[in-house]
C-alpha cells in the first residue's frame, strides 16, 4: 500500500527536505547550474544555467544580487535549473 503523495503547489517557503522529496518523486526535474551548459547555445535554459553558475561562483556578484533583493546571505543556497 502506497502512502498519499503530496502535490506541489508552491516553491517559495518550501522546506529543503520537502523539495528533495518532490525531486525524488519526479514532480520536480532539475540539473545543477553549469557555467558551460550542455544545452543548446542561446537556449533560455542554457542562459539561466550560465547566470546561476556565475552567481554561485563569483562571491562579489552573489553578494550584490542577494543584497539588492534583500536575501539573507547567512544561509545555504542551492543552484539548479
Protein backbone atom coordinates (compact mmCIF):
# COMPACT_ATOMS: atom_id res chain seq x y z
CA UNK A 1 0.00 0.00 0.00
CA UNK A 2 1.49 3.34 -1.06
CA UNK A 3 1.35 6.44 1.10
CA UNK A 4 -0.50 9.53 -0.05
CA UNK A 5 1.76 11.63 -2.25
CA UNK A 6 1.78 15.37 -1.62
CA UNK A 7 1.13 17.62 -4.61
CA UNK A 8 3.48 20.52 -5.29
CA UNK A 9 1.64 23.85 -5.03
CA UNK A 10 4.44 26.37 -4.40
CA UNK A 11 8.23 26.55 -4.17
CA UNK A 12 8.68 29.73 -2.13
CA UNK A 13 8.93 28.81 1.53
CA UNK A 14 9.20 25.07 0.79
CA UNK A 15 11.44 23.22 3.22
CA UNK A 16 14.56 21.62 1.71
CA UNK A 17 13.52 18.14 2.82
CA UNK A 18 10.14 18.56 1.07
CA UNK A 19 11.88 19.91 -2.05
CA UNK A 20 14.14 16.84 -2.07
CA UNK A 21 11.13 14.52 -1.80
CA UNK A 22 9.48 16.23 -4.81
CA UNK A 23 12.73 15.77 -6.78
CA UNK A 24 12.90 12.11 -5.76
CA UNK A 25 9.25 11.53 -6.78
CA UNK A 26 9.87 13.13 -10.19
CA UNK A 27 7.49 16.07 -9.67
CA UNK A 28 10.48 18.42 -9.98
CA UNK A 29 13.16 17.82 -12.60
CA UNK A 30 16.41 19.69 -12.20
CA UNK A 31 20.03 19.94 -13.26
CA UNK A 32 22.92 21.58 -11.47
CA UNK A 33 23.66 25.03 -12.87
CA UNK A 34 26.73 24.90 -15.11
CA UNK A 35 28.93 27.69 -16.40
CA UNK A 36 29.28 25.81 -19.68
CA UNK A 37 25.85 24.22 -20.12
CA UNK A 38 25.24 21.04 -22.05
CA UNK A 39 22.07 22.51 -23.57
CA UNK A 40 21.76 24.21 -26.95
CA UNK A 41 23.69 27.52 -27.01
CA UNK A 42 21.38 30.53 -26.72
CA UNK A 43 18.55 28.44 -25.28
CA UNK A 44 16.76 30.05 -22.32
CA UNK A 45 17.72 27.17 -20.01
CA UNK A 46 21.37 27.43 -21.11
CA UNK A 47 21.42 31.16 -20.36
CA UNK A 48 19.75 30.56 -17.00
CA UNK A 49 22.35 27.91 -16.20
CA UNK A 50 25.21 30.32 -17.01
CA UNK A 51 23.64 33.06 -14.88
CA UNK A 52 23.04 30.75 -11.91
CA UNK A 53 26.55 29.27 -12.13
CA UNK A 54 28.02 32.79 -12.18
CA UNK A 55 26.02 33.73 -9.09
CA UNK A 56 27.31 30.58 -7.39
CA UNK A 57 30.97 31.07 -8.39
CA UNK A 58 31.52 34.85 -8.06
CA UNK A 59 31.13 35.88 -4.41
CA UNK A 60 31.04 39.63 -5.04
CA UNK A 61 28.38 39.23 -7.73
CA UNK A 62 26.33 36.93 -5.48
CA UNK A 63 26.60 39.31 -2.53
CA UNK A 64 25.46 42.23 -4.68
CA UNK A 65 22.47 40.35 -6.07
CA UNK A 66 21.45 38.94 -2.67
CA UNK A 67 21.72 42.41 -1.11
CA UNK A 68 19.62 44.06 -3.83
CA UNK A 69 16.80 41.52 -3.41
CA UNK A 70 17.16 41.55 0.40
CA UNK A 71 18.02 37.86 0.61
CA UNK A 72 19.78 36.69 3.76
CA UNK A 73 23.34 35.62 2.91
CA UNK A 74 23.92 33.60 6.07
CA UNK A 75 22.01 30.52 4.88
CA UNK A 76 22.92 27.95 2.28
CA UNK A 77 21.98 28.44 -1.38
CA UNK A 78 21.42 25.73 -3.97
CA UNK A 79 21.67 26.47 -7.69
CA UNK A 80 19.61 24.41 -10.13
CA UNK A 81 17.93 24.89 -13.48
